[in-house]
Amino acid sequence: MKRFRAARACDSCRQRKTRCDAREPCGPCMSLNVTCLYGTEAISRGKSEMILDAVLRTEASIDELKSMITQNSRNSNGLNEAHTNSTSPFSPMESAIRGTPNHANVRTSRDLTESAVLASGHLSSTESLLKWPIFLNHPSIREEIDTAFLSLEYGRSPFQNTRYAIFPSVSMLDIKMMMGIFQRTYNFWYPMMSLDDLRALQLRISYDDLEPSTQSCLALLVMALGCVGASVIDEGISDDESRDFKQQGAAWFHAAMKMMHLAQSDMSVQACQCLLLVGLYFSFLQRPLQTWSYVNSAGTRCRFLLSCPLDNPGRDDREIVIRIFWSCFVLESNYVSELPSLPQNFNAEIESNISLPGKFHSHEDPEEGEKSTFYLLASIALRRLLNRAHYMMYDREIGLQIHSSHFPPVNQELARQLQDWYQTLPPSLQFPEDGKPAEDPYSEYLRQWYLSCRSVIYRPYLEWALANPSWDLNNDVRVLSGCHIALDTCLFKLRHLKRVPYTVMVDTWLCSLSNSNADPSGWLLPSAADNTAPSNSIDRARAASA
């Protein structure tokens, strides 16, 4: 396979013949602590470099907020005491929602704004939402969350594997179909298998060359996920046909798990791919702890491999590992956002120094491969922005309060960055901001994720309004406007929620929770508000903004 030369590389990377990420200084030079200098050659900027620059400009805006975050953290005790002793209506929310830390997570003193970190123990999960003061007087709802979500998942029965590995009988046409579906789904959302590798795995299945090995395990996992895709993406198949595909997928997966010990003891690129694909299959089974465990292991393995010289001339192994790393970053952050007690594998500590995905031959059609890469880049950028929003506004220790003088500029900056993200989407992935359907399921899912991020950014205003039902929002235009945007965003998402393959095949468990808190005033609160007092603020906000 032809190796693509970087459009721009520093002198040190050219001398070492290593891949340069074109930063100043670049990642490899930073890791080796050597001087990074660029020559005077003409620079041709590709699309990946332009996207990287957009991401870096976004991060530069965050640097301007560091001093405000630090100052707010230093003065938090004084602010809390002053507001507790005053007549400000913010203290009920602060005392009831923020509470005191009850997680035993070890926190470092590192400035977490340097990376897009989603800190453990944050207060933006669905479980935290159900602890809002609005629910304090409703025991039936409070009883439902007496047991933490993490404990409920931990108490589930273990995954049962079959005693013997049984390979389904399939034709060459079936194998090609499953490989093609895998390529259009999982290898589009997380493109980390080259076209040549997929063809080699297809031949391995066709020739029944499935002696226990990491490569055989990988081939079986691709077939399993291809069957999962076949049961979902074709809406014209019957329920019986869908069930048959799922059973075939389960058979392939059970056979792969019989070889998984080989991949777990292997320190190769193929082993990383196996770990990630097992995690994706468990996400389809709606087993979040198993998903997190395998994704976490794959991310940790990537960190090791990125420190090794991956210079195989016949394979672009470093690019594959980079793509697996970022896929793990996105997936792990998604699960920590809803299970904040999960420990992280510290990928966030080094994600700022890892190159973004570049050129890669993952699809027969170059345009489709390019679109897949852009989709992954868009997912990474939006996940990093979401992590910053969670950290700056919902962190248990330093999250900004709505009454803080630093909250408005931070909130506005996050909203601006979200709009910049939308504006920089390539035309093939752009979606209409109104209710018109997107061109394909990839753009449709990005729209749903975009709306979720927007609701996270403006939810603190809604949270405050519900905690202060007697406060007249018409006297506070800023809070009123924030409530208006939060409600409009959440209601729009619920009204235009569409079934997309990614939600069914990867995100079912997470979406069942994130959509539960998509609009707390729309359908969570009616079940809790037996009296009308708690919703007075929201009613006034809706009436004033109508």
Protein backbone atom coordinates (compact mmCIF):
# COMPACT_ATOMS: atom_id res chain seq x y z
CA MET A 1 0.00 0.00 0.00
CA LYS A 2 1.35 3.41 -0.91
CA ARG A 3 2.45 5.54 2.02
CA PHE A 4 1.36 9.16 1.79
CA ARG A 5 4.02 11.69 2.53
CA ALA A 6 3.15 14.46 4.95
CA ALA A 7 2.45 17.81 3.34
CA ARG A 8 4.69 19.44 5.93
CA ALA A 9 7.34 17.90 8.16
CA CYS A 10 10.01 19.35 10.42
CA ASP A 11 13.71 18.77 9.81
CA SER A 12 14.04 16.39 12.76
CA CYS A 13 11.20 14.14 11.61
CA ARG A 14 12.56 14.11 8.06
CA GLN A 15 15.96 13.05 9.37
CA ARG A 16 14.46 10.33 11.58
CA LYS A 17 12.00 9.35 8.82
CA THR A 18 9.09 9.49 11.22
CA ARG A 19 5.59 10.86 10.66
CA CYS A 20 5.31 14.53 11.58
CA ASP A 21 1.98 16.08 12.64
CA ALA A 22 3.01 19.54 11.30
CA ARG A 23 2.52 21.29 14.62
CA GLU A 24 4.97 23.86 15.96
CA PRO A 25 6.54 22.13 17.81
CA CYS A 26 5.35 18.77 16.52
CA GLY A 27 4.30 15.87 18.74
CA PRO A 28 7.32 13.58 18.09
CA CYS A 29 9.80 16.39 18.87
CA MET A 30 7.92 17.28 22.04
CA SER A 31 7.97 13.65 23.21
CA LEU A 32 11.72 13.38 22.51
CA ASN A 33 12.46 16.87 23.89
CA VAL A 34 14.39 17.94 20.80
CA THR A 35 14.38 21.18 18.84
CA CYS A 36 11.66 21.34 16.20
CA LEU A 37 12.59 23.41 13.14
CA TYR A 38 10.95 23.65 9.73
CA GLY A 39 12.77 24.27 6.49
CA THR A 40 11.86 26.76 3.81
CA GLU A 41 10.15 24.32 1.44
CA ALA A 42 6.83 25.28 -0.05
CA ILE A 43 3.95 24.17 2.07
CA SER A 44 0.85 22.67 0.52
CA ARG A 45 -1.99 22.53 2.97
CA GLY A 46 -4.33 19.58 2.73
CA LYS A 47 -7.83 19.25 4.14
CA SER A 48 -6.61 17.39 7.22
CA GLU A 49 -4.18 20.21 8.03
CA MET A 50 -6.98 22.77 7.64
CA ILE A 51 -9.19 20.82 10.03
CA LEU A 52 -6.29 20.52 12.47
CA ASP A 53 -5.81 24.29 12.36
CA ALA A 54 -9.50 24.80 13.10
CA VAL A 55 -9.24 22.51 16.11
CA LEU A 56 -6.11 24.29 17.32
CA ARG A 57 -7.78 27.69 16.97
CA THR A 58 -10.63 26.38 19.07
CA GLU A 59 -8.20 25.21 21.72
CA ALA A 60 -6.45 28.58 21.66
CA SER A 61 -9.71 30.22 22.68
CA ILE A 62 -9.80 27.95 25.71
CA ASP A 63 -6.40 29.25 26.80
CA GLU A 64 -7.94 32.70 27.21
CA LEU A 65 -10.32 31.26 29.78
CA LYS A 66 -7.63 29.58 31.90
CA SER A 67 -6.98 32.60 34.03
CA MET A 68 -10.69 33.06 34.69
CA ILE A 69 -11.10 29.40 35.65
CA THR A 70 -8.10 29.58 37.98
CA GLN A 71 -9.28 32.80 39.58
CA ASN A 72 -12.76 31.36 40.05
CA SER A 73 -11.31 28.28 41.75
CA ARG A 74 -9.30 30.43 44.16
CA ASN A 75 -12.25 32.59 45.05
CA SER A 76 -14.87 29.84 45.18
CA ASN A 77 -14.92 29.67 48.97
CA GLY A 78 -15.42 33.42 49.28
CA LEU A 79 -18.14 33.44 46.64
CA ASN A 80 -20.00 30.55 48.22
CA GLU A 81 -19.89 32.16 51.67
CA ALA A 82 -21.03 35.51 50.34
CA HIS A 83 -23.98 34.03 48.47
CA THR A 84 -24.96 31.81 51.37
CA ASN A 85 -25.23 34.83 53.66
CA SER A 86 -27.03 37.00 51.11
CA THR A 87 -30.55 36.97 49.74
CA SER A 88 -29.44 35.66 46.36
CA PRO A 89 -31.67 32.90 45.01
CA PHE A 90 -28.69 30.87 43.76
CA SER A 91 -27.80 29.26 47.10
CA PRO A 92 -30.58 26.61 47.07
CA MET A 93 -29.26 25.15 43.82
CA GLU A 94 -25.66 25.29 44.98
CA SER A 95 -26.34 23.54 48.26
CA ALA A 96 -28.76 20.96 46.91
CA ILE A 97 -27.13 20.14 43.59
CA ARG A 98 -23.39 20.60 44.07
CA GLY A 99 -23.27 19.12 47.54
CA THR A 100 -19.98 17.78 48.78
CA PRO A 101 -17.71 15.37 46.94
CA ASN A 102 -18.52 11.76 47.70
CA HIS A 103 -16.31 10.09 45.12
CA ALA A 104 -13.02 8.56 46.11
CA ASN A 105 -11.41 9.43 42.82
CA VAL A 106 -7.85 10.68 42.94
CA ARG A 107 -7.61 14.15 41.40
CA THR A 108 -4.40 15.67 40.18
CA SER A 109 -3.35 19.29 40.39
CA ARG A 110 -2.75 19.44 36.63
CA ASP A 111 -4.57 22.19 34.75
CA LEU A 112 -7.20 20.09 33.03
CA THR A 113 -8.08 22.80 30.51
CA GLU A 114 -4.88 21.89 28.69
CA SER A 115 -6.64 18.76 27.46
CA ALA A 116 -10.24 17.99 26.66
CA VAL A 117 -10.69 16.08 29.91
CA LEU A 118 -13.97 14.68 31.14
CA ALA A 119 -13.25 14.50 34.86
CA SER A 120 -14.66 11.63 36.88
CA GLY A 121 -17.35 12.64 39.34
CA HIS A 122 -18.88 15.37 37.18
CA LEU A 123 -22.46 16.51 37.72
CA SER A 124 -23.95 16.36 34.23
CA SER A 125 -25.04 12.72 34.01
CA THR A 126 -28.65 11.55 34.03
CA GLU A 127 -28.12 10.21 37.53
CA SER A 128 -27.08 13.68 38.71
CA LEU A 129 -30.06 15.25 36.93
CA LEU A 130 -32.47 13.04 38.89
CA LYS A 131 -31.02 14.55 42.08
CA TRP A 132 -32.15 18.06 41.18
CA PRO A 133 -34.13 19.78 43.98
CA ILE A 134 -37.31 19.50 41.90
CA PHE A 135 -37.38 15.79 42.73
CA LEU A 136 -36.67 16.06 46.47
CA ASN A 137 -40.37 16.00 47.40
CA HIS A 138 -41.18 13.02 45.19
CA PRO A 139 -40.06 9.82 46.95
CA SER A 140 -41.18 7.53 44.13
CA ILE A 141 -38.61 9.05 41.80
CA ARG A 142 -35.93 9.32 44.46
CA GLU A 143 -36.32 5.65 45.31
CA GLU A 144 -35.55 4.73 41.72
CA ILE A 145 -32.06 6.21 42.01
CA ASP A 146 -31.18 4.96 45.49
CA THR A 147 -28.95 2.43 43.75
CA ALA A 148 -26.34 4.01 41.50
CA PHE A 149 -26.44 3.14 37.82
CA LEU A 150 -22.91 1.77 38.10
CA SER A 151 -23.99 -0.60 40.88
CA LEU A 152 -26.95 -1.76 38.81
CA GLU A 153 -24.67 -2.62 35.90
CA TYR A 154 -22.16 -4.28 38.20
CA GLY A 155 -24.93 -6.49 39.58
CA ARG A 156 -25.92 -7.85 36.16
CA SER A 157 -25.31 -11.52 35.41
CA PRO A 158 -21.98 -12.13 33.68
CA PHE A 159 -21.73 -12.64 29.94
CA GLN A 160 -22.07 -16.33 29.12
CA ASN A 161 -19.94 -17.73 26.32
CA THR A 162 -20.67 -21.04 24.60
CA ARG A 163 -18.68 -24.15 25.43
CA TYR A 164 -17.69 -24.87 21.86
CA ALA A 165 -16.89 -22.57 18.95
CA ILE A 166 -19.25 -23.15 16.02
CA PHE A 167 -18.60 -21.39 12.72
CA PRO A 168 -21.79 -20.65 10.76
CA SER A 169 -21.98 -22.09 7.26
CA VAL A 170 -21.79 -19.16 4.84
CA SER A 171 -21.22 -18.73 1.13
CA MET A 172 -18.70 -16.44 -0.53
CA LEU A 173 -21.55 -14.05 -1.32
CA ASP A 174 -22.53 -13.93 2.36
CA ILE A 175 -18.95 -13.24 3.39
CA LYS A 176 -18.64 -10.36 0.92
CA MET A 177 -21.96 -8.94 2.11
CA MET A 178 -20.94 -9.03 5.79
CA MET A 179 -17.55 -7.49 5.03
CA GLY A 180 -19.22 -4.77 2.98
CA ILE A 181 -21.73 -3.96 5.72
CA PHE A 182 -18.93 -3.79 8.29
CA GLN A 183 -17.06 -1.38 6.04
CA ARG A 184 -20.12 0.88 5.57
CA THR A 185 -20.95 0.98 9.27
CA TYR A 186 -18.32 0.34 11.93
CA ASN A 187 -15.38 1.00 9.64
CA PHE A 188 -17.00 4.26 8.55
CA TRP A 189 -17.73 5.55 12.07
CA TYR A 190 -14.34 4.37 13.37
CA PRO A 191 -12.20 3.82 10.25
CA MET A 192 -9.25 1.81 11.51
CA MET A 193 -9.02 -1.09 9.06
CA SER A 194 -7.51 -0.64 5.62
CA LEU A 195 -9.10 -2.02 2.49
CA ASP A 196 -6.18 -4.44 2.06
CA ASP A 197 -6.60 -5.75 5.60
CA LEU A 198 -10.31 -6.34 5.08
CA ARG A 199 -9.61 -8.25 1.87
CA ALA A 200 -7.07 -10.42 3.67
CA LEU A 201 -9.60 -11.19 6.41
CA GLN A 202 -12.20 -12.01 3.77
CA LEU A 203 -9.85 -14.57 2.21
CA ARG A 204 -9.12 -16.05 5.63
CA ILE A 205 -12.83 -16.65 6.21
CA SER A 206 -13.37 -17.93 2.65
CA TYR A 207 -10.56 -20.50 2.90
CA ASP A 208 -11.64 -21.49 6.40
CA ASP A 209 -8.17 -20.55 7.63
CA LEU A 210 -9.28 -20.02 11.21
CA GLU A 211 -6.63 -21.69 13.31
CA PRO A 212 -6.36 -19.93 16.71
CA SER A 213 -4.51 -16.64 16.20
CA THR A 214 -5.02 -12.91 16.61
CA GLN A 215 -5.73 -12.58 12.88
CA SER A 216 -8.41 -15.29 13.02
CA CYS A 217 -9.97 -13.62 16.04
CA LEU A 218 -10.08 -10.34 14.13
CA ALA A 219 -11.71 -11.97 11.10
CA LEU A 220 -14.40 -13.56 13.28
CA LEU A 221 -15.14 -10.23 14.98
CA VAL A 222 -15.55 -8.46 11.65
CA MET A 223 -18.05 -11.13 10.58
CA ALA A 224 -19.91 -10.79 13.89
CA LEU A 225 -20.26 -7.03 13.54
CA GLY A 226 -21.20 -7.40 9.88
CA CYS A 227 -24.11 -9.62 10.95
CA VAL A 228 -25.12 -7.00 13.53
CA GLY A 229 -25.18 -4.39 10.79
CA ALA A 230 -27.20 -6.66 8.48
CA SER A 231 -29.86 -7.02 11.18
CA VAL A 232 -30.21 -3.25 11.53
CA ILE A 233 -29.49 -1.25 8.38
CA ASP A 234 -31.97 -2.99 6.05
CA GLU A 235 -35.40 -1.86 7.20
CA GLY A 236 -37.05 -4.09 4.61
CA ILE A 237 -36.10 -7.40 6.22
CA SER A 238 -38.54 -9.28 8.42
CA ASP A 239 -38.19 -9.77 12.15
CA ASP A 240 -37.26 -13.42 11.58
CA GLU A 241 -34.49 -12.47 9.15
CA SER A 242 -33.18 -9.86 11.56
CA ARG A 243 -33.19 -12.45 14.35
CA ASP A 244 -31.28 -14.90 12.14
CA PHE A 245 -28.59 -12.31 11.43
CA LYS A 246 -28.23 -11.59 15.14
CA GLN A 247 -27.90 -15.29 15.91
CA GLN A 248 -25.23 -15.66 13.23
CA GLY A 249 -23.42 -12.66 14.68
CA ALA A 250 -23.57 -14.20 18.15
CA ALA A 251 -22.08 -17.45 16.81
CA TRP A 252 -19.20 -15.58 15.15
CA PHE A 253 -18.66 -13.53 18.31
CA HIS A 254 -18.62 -16.57 20.61
CA ALA A 255 -16.07 -18.21 18.31
CA ALA A 256 -13.94 -15.06 18.42
CA MET A 257 -14.06 -14.94 22.22
CA LYS A 258 -12.56 -18.45 22.28
CA MET A 259 -9.44 -16.88 20.73
CA MET A 260 -9.57 -13.56 22.56
CA HIS A 261 -6.91 -14.64 25.07
CA LEU A 262 -4.41 -14.65 22.19
CA ALA A 263 -5.23 -11.05 21.30
CA GLN A 264 -5.12 -9.97 24.94
CA SER A 265 -1.60 -11.33 25.32
CA ASP A 266 -0.46 -9.90 21.98
CA MET A 267 1.01 -6.40 21.72
CA SER A 268 0.27 -5.83 18.05
CA VAL A 269 -1.89 -3.49 16.01
CA GLN A 270 -4.26 -6.38 15.25
CA ALA A 271 -4.66 -7.01 18.98
CA CYS A 272 -5.75 -3.38 19.45
CA GLN A 273 -8.28 -3.79 16.68
CA CYS A 274 -9.65 -6.94 18.35
CA LEU A 275 -10.06 -5.20 21.70
CA LEU A 276 -11.91 -2.27 20.17
CA LEU A 277 -14.21 -4.49 18.09
CA VAL A 278 -15.10 -6.61 21.12
CA GLY A 279 -15.99 -3.39 22.94
CA LEU A 280 -18.21 -2.34 20.03
CA TYR A 281 -20.02 -5.68 20.04
CA PHE A 282 -20.65 -5.39 23.78
CA SER A 283 -22.06 -1.91 23.17
CA PHE A 284 -24.59 -3.51 20.82
CA LEU A 285 -25.44 -5.95 23.63
CA GLN A 286 -25.95 -2.90 25.90
CA ARG A 287 -23.29 -3.96 28.38
CA PRO A 288 -21.56 -0.67 29.22
CA LEU A 289 -19.04 -2.02 31.74
CA GLN A 290 -17.74 -4.65 29.33
CA THR A 291 -17.63 -2.05 26.56
CA TRP A 292 -15.69 0.37 28.73
CA SER A 293 -13.30 -2.37 29.86
CA TYR A 294 -12.28 -3.44 26.36
CA VAL A 295 -12.17 0.11 24.98
CA ASN A 296 -10.04 1.12 27.96
CA SER A 297 -7.67 -1.78 27.28
CA ALA A 298 -7.43 -0.89 23.59
CA GLY A 299 -6.63 2.72 24.43
CA THR A 300 -3.92 1.70 26.88
CA ARG A 301 -2.41 -0.65 24.28
CA CYS A 302 -2.37 2.23 21.79
CA ARG A 303 -0.34 4.37 24.16
CA PHE A 304 2.32 1.67 24.26
CA LEU A 305 2.36 1.13 20.50
CA LEU A 306 2.66 4.85 19.80
CA SER A 307 5.92 4.83 21.74
CA CYS A 308 7.27 2.05 19.50
CA PRO A 309 8.88 2.39 16.05
CA LEU A 310 6.04 1.32 13.75
CA ASP A 311 7.85 1.55 10.42
CA ASN A 312 6.53 -1.46 8.51
CA PRO A 313 6.82 -0.32 4.85
CA GLY A 314 3.92 -2.56 3.81
CA ARG A 315 1.46 -1.24 6.38
CA ASP A 316 0.52 2.15 7.76
CA ASP A 317 0.44 0.83 11.32
CA ARG A 318 1.02 4.17 13.02
CA GLU A 319 -1.97 5.72 11.28
CA ILE A 320 -4.09 2.72 12.30
CA VAL A 321 -3.03 3.03 15.94
CA ILE A 322 -3.74 6.77 15.91
CA ARG A 323 -7.23 6.08 14.61
CA ILE A 324 -7.85 3.39 17.23
CA PHE A 325 -6.61 5.76 19.93
CA TRP A 326 -9.03 8.51 18.93
CA SER A 327 -11.88 6.04 18.57
CA CYS A 328 -11.21 4.86 22.12
CA PHE A 329 -11.07 8.48 23.30
CA VAL A 330 -14.51 9.21 21.86
CA LEU A 331 -16.10 5.99 23.12
CA GLU A 332 -14.61 6.16 26.61
CA SER A 333 -15.66 9.80 27.02
CA ASN A 334 -19.18 8.86 25.97
CA TYR A 335 -19.43 6.29 28.75
CA VAL A 336 -17.77 8.41 31.42
CA SER A 337 -20.30 11.15 30.61
CA GLU A 338 -23.11 8.87 31.87
CA LEU A 339 -21.14 6.79 34.39
CA PRO A 340 -18.96 9.46 36.03
CA SER A 341 -17.55 7.04 38.60
CA LEU A 342 -15.72 5.03 35.95
CA PRO A 343 -11.94 5.40 36.21
CA GLN A 344 -10.25 6.62 33.07
CA ASN A 345 -7.21 5.20 31.35
CA PHE A 346 -5.64 8.69 31.30
CA ASN A 347 -5.80 8.99 27.52
CA ALA A 348 -6.88 12.57 28.14
CA GLU A 349 -3.46 13.36 29.60
CA ILE A 350 -1.77 12.80 26.27
CA GLU A 351 -4.54 13.34 23.72
CA SER A 352 -3.31 16.89 23.06
CA ASN A 353 0.02 15.46 21.86
CA ILE A 354 -1.39 12.76 19.57
CA SER A 355 -1.68 13.50 15.86
CA LEU A 356 -5.13 13.65 14.35
CA PRO A 357 -6.12 11.02 11.77
CA GLY A 358 -4.67 11.62 8.32
CA LYS A 359 -4.95 9.96 4.93
CA PHE A 360 -5.95 6.33 4.97
CA HIS A 361 -7.13 3.83 2.35
CA SER A 362 -10.16 2.40 4.14
CA HIS A 363 -12.69 2.34 1.28
CA GLU A 364 -12.69 1.47 -2.39
CA ASP A 365 -14.15 4.87 -3.26
CA PRO A 366 -11.64 7.60 -2.30
CA GLU A 367 -14.46 10.07 -1.66
CA GLU A 368 -16.12 7.65 0.74
CA GLY A 369 -12.83 7.12 2.57
CA GLU A 370 -12.31 10.88 2.81
CA LYS A 371 -15.84 11.35 4.11
CA SER A 372 -15.21 8.66 6.72
CA THR A 373 -12.07 10.44 7.90
CA PHE A 374 -13.92 13.75 8.12
CA TYR A 375 -16.67 12.04 10.11
CA LEU A 376 -14.11 10.77 12.63
CA LEU A 377 -12.47 14.20 12.83
CA ALA A 378 -15.86 15.83 13.40
CA SER A 379 -16.63 13.31 16.16
CA ILE A 380 -13.30 13.98 17.85
CA ALA A 381 -13.74 17.75 17.74
CA LEU A 382 -17.29 17.62 19.10
CA ARG A 383 -16.37 15.14 21.84
CA ARG A 384 -13.49 17.39 22.96
CA LEU A 385 -15.84 20.37 23.05
CA LEU A 386 -18.38 18.38 25.08
CA ASN A 387 -15.67 17.34 27.52
CA ARG A 388 -14.69 20.97 28.05
CA ALA A 389 -18.31 21.93 28.63
CA HIS A 390 -18.69 19.15 31.19
CA TYR A 391 -15.49 20.19 32.94
CA MET A 392 -16.00 23.96 32.98
CA MET A 393 -19.64 23.95 34.03
CA TYR A 394 -20.29 20.62 35.75
CA ASP A 395 -17.06 19.62 37.45
CA ARG A 396 -17.70 18.78 41.09
CA GLU A 397 -14.79 20.87 42.35
CA ILE A 398 -14.26 23.85 40.02
CA GLY A 399 -17.33 23.92 37.76
CA LEU A 400 -18.54 27.49 37.24
CA GLN A 401 -21.79 28.53 38.90
CA ILE A 402 -24.38 30.56 37.06
CA HIS A 403 -23.98 33.45 39.50
CA SER A 404 -20.23 33.64 38.87
CA SER A 405 -19.06 36.61 36.86
CA HIS A 406 -17.00 34.18 34.76
CA PHE A 407 -19.95 32.00 33.75
CA PRO A 408 -21.41 34.20 30.93
CA PRO A 409 -18.17 34.52 28.91
CA VAL A 410 -17.42 30.81 29.31
CA ASN A 411 -20.94 29.89 28.28
CA GLN A 412 -20.83 32.22 25.28
CA GLU A 413 -17.41 30.94 24.24
CA LEU A 414 -18.54 27.31 24.32
CA ALA A 415 -21.63 28.20 22.30
CA ARG A 416 -19.47 30.04 19.76
CA GLN A 417 -17.12 27.07 19.45
CA LEU A 418 -20.09 24.77 18.86
CA GLN A 419 -21.30 27.03 16.06
CA ASP A 420 -17.77 27.13 14.62
CA TRP A 421 -17.77 23.32 14.63
CA TYR A 422 -20.97 23.33 12.61
CA GLN A 423 -19.66 25.93 10.17
CA THR A 424 -16.46 23.93 9.49
CA LEU A 425 -18.24 20.66 8.66
CA PRO A 426 -17.50 19.55 5.09
CA PRO A 427 -20.50 19.77 2.72
CA SER A 428 -20.86 15.98 2.65
CA LEU A 429 -21.57 15.93 6.41
CA GLN A 430 -23.49 19.16 6.89
CA PHE A 431 -27.06 18.95 8.12
CA PRO A 432 -29.90 21.50 8.10
CA GLU A 433 -30.47 23.26 11.40
CA ASP A 434 -34.22 23.23 10.84
CA GLY A 435 -36.44 20.16 10.91
CA LYS A 436 -35.59 19.04 7.38
CA PRO A 437 -34.07 15.55 7.20
CA ALA A 438 -30.33 15.18 6.72
CA GLU A 439 -28.97 13.67 3.53
CA ASP A 440 -27.75 10.44 5.15
CA PRO A 441 -27.68 8.74 8.58
CA TYR A 442 -24.14 9.97 9.24
CA SER A 443 -25.18 13.62 9.07
CA GLU A 444 -28.37 12.84 10.99
CA TYR A 445 -26.43 11.40 13.90
CA LEU A 446 -24.07 14.37 13.94
CA ARG A 447 -27.13 16.62 14.17
CA GLN A 448 -28.46 14.70 17.18
CA TRP A 449 -25.05 14.91 18.85
CA TYR A 450 -24.81 18.62 18.03
CA LEU A 451 -28.18 19.23 19.72
CA SER A 452 -27.08 17.24 22.77
CA CYS A 453 -23.98 19.40 23.09
CA ARG A 454 -26.05 22.56 22.77
CA SER A 455 -28.41 21.40 25.52
CA VAL A 456 -25.46 20.60 27.80
CA ILE A 457 -24.08 24.12 27.31
CA TYR A 458 -27.37 25.85 28.20
CA ARG A 459 -28.75 23.39 30.76
CA PRO A 460 -27.31 25.27 33.80
CA TYR A 461 -29.82 28.07 33.17
CA LEU A 462 -32.69 25.58 33.23
CA GLU A 463 -31.24 23.91 36.29
CA TRP A 464 -31.15 27.22 38.14
CA ALA A 465 -34.70 28.16 37.11
CA LEU A 466 -36.08 24.89 38.44
CA ALA A 467 -34.19 25.31 41.70
CA ASN A 468 -35.67 28.80 42.17
CA PRO A 469 -39.37 28.56 41.22
CA SER A 470 -40.31 31.82 42.93
CA TRP A 471 -37.75 33.89 41.07
CA ASP A 472 -39.18 36.07 38.30
CA LEU A 473 -37.10 35.26 35.23
CA ASN A 474 -38.40 38.34 33.44
CA ASN A 475 -36.07 40.33 35.70
CA ASP A 476 -33.05 38.43 34.40
CA VAL A 477 -32.82 38.55 30.61
CA ARG A 478 -29.67 36.43 30.50
CA VAL A 479 -31.17 33.52 32.43
CA LEU A 480 -34.44 33.83 30.54
CA SER A 481 -32.65 33.66 27.20
CA GLY A 482 -30.60 30.67 28.36
CA CYS A 483 -33.75 28.82 29.45
CA HIS A 484 -35.35 29.63 26.11
CA ILE A 485 -32.42 28.18 24.15
CA ALA A 486 -32.19 25.10 26.37
CA LEU A 487 -35.90 24.33 26.04
CA ASP A 488 -36.01 24.96 22.30
CA THR A 489 -32.98 22.73 21.74
CA CYS A 490 -34.30 19.87 23.84
CA LEU A 491 -37.80 19.98 22.38
CA PHE A 492 -36.43 20.18 18.84
CA LYS A 493 -34.28 17.11 19.44
CA LEU A 494 -37.18 15.09 20.84
CA ARG A 495 -39.53 16.09 18.02
CA HIS A 496 -37.06 15.27 15.27
CA LEU A 497 -35.40 12.24 16.83
CA LYS A 498 -34.82 9.65 14.12
CA ARG A 499 -33.65 6.07 14.13
CA VAL A 500 -30.12 5.84 12.76
CA PRO A 501 -27.93 2.72 12.57
CA TYR A 502 -25.27 4.09 14.92
CA THR A 503 -27.79 4.62 17.71
CA VAL A 504 -29.00 1.02 17.47
CA MET A 505 -25.64 -0.66 16.88
CA VAL A 506 -23.43 1.32 19.26
CA ASP A 507 -25.26 3.94 21.28
CA THR A 508 -28.50 2.33 22.51
CA TRP A 509 -27.60 2.20 26.20
CA LEU A 510 -26.13 5.71 26.22
CA CYS A 511 -28.97 7.26 24.22
CA SER A 512 -31.56 5.72 26.52
CA LEU A 513 -30.05 7.86 29.29
CA SER A 514 -29.04 10.98 27.37
CA ASN A 515 -32.48 11.25 25.78
CA SER A 516 -34.02 10.84 29.22
CA ASN A 517 -32.43 14.12 30.26
CA ALA A 518 -32.81 15.78 26.86
CA ASP A 519 -35.80 17.80 28.05
CA PRO A 520 -36.38 17.59 31.80
CA SER A 521 -39.16 20.17 31.57
CA GLY A 522 -40.87 18.39 28.70
CA TRP A 523 -41.56 14.95 30.09
CA LEU A 524 -39.48 14.25 33.20
CA LEU A 525 -40.98 17.09 35.19
CA PRO A 526 -44.66 16.40 34.50
CA SER A 527 -44.23 13.05 36.22
CA ALA A 528 -42.64 14.75 39.20
CA ALA A 529 -44.56 17.99 39.45
CA ASP A 530 -47.83 17.13 41.16
CA ASN A 531 -48.14 20.80 42.03
CA THR A 532 -47.55 23.70 39.67
CA ALA A 533 -45.17 25.71 41.81
CA PRO A 534 -41.91 24.08 40.66
CA SER A 535 -42.63 24.82 37.02
CA ASN A 536 -43.70 28.44 37.43
CA SER A 537 -40.30 29.73 36.34
CA ILE A 538 -40.34 27.58 33.21
CA ASP A 539 -43.90 28.54 32.39
CA ARG A 540 -43.01 32.21 32.65
CA ALA A 541 -39.93 31.65 30.51
CA ARG A 542 -41.94 29.96 27.80
CA ALA A 543 -44.66 32.60 27.91
CA ALA A 544 -42.19 35.47 27.75
CA SER A 545 -40.26 33.95 24.87
CA ALA A 546 -43.27 32.88 22.83
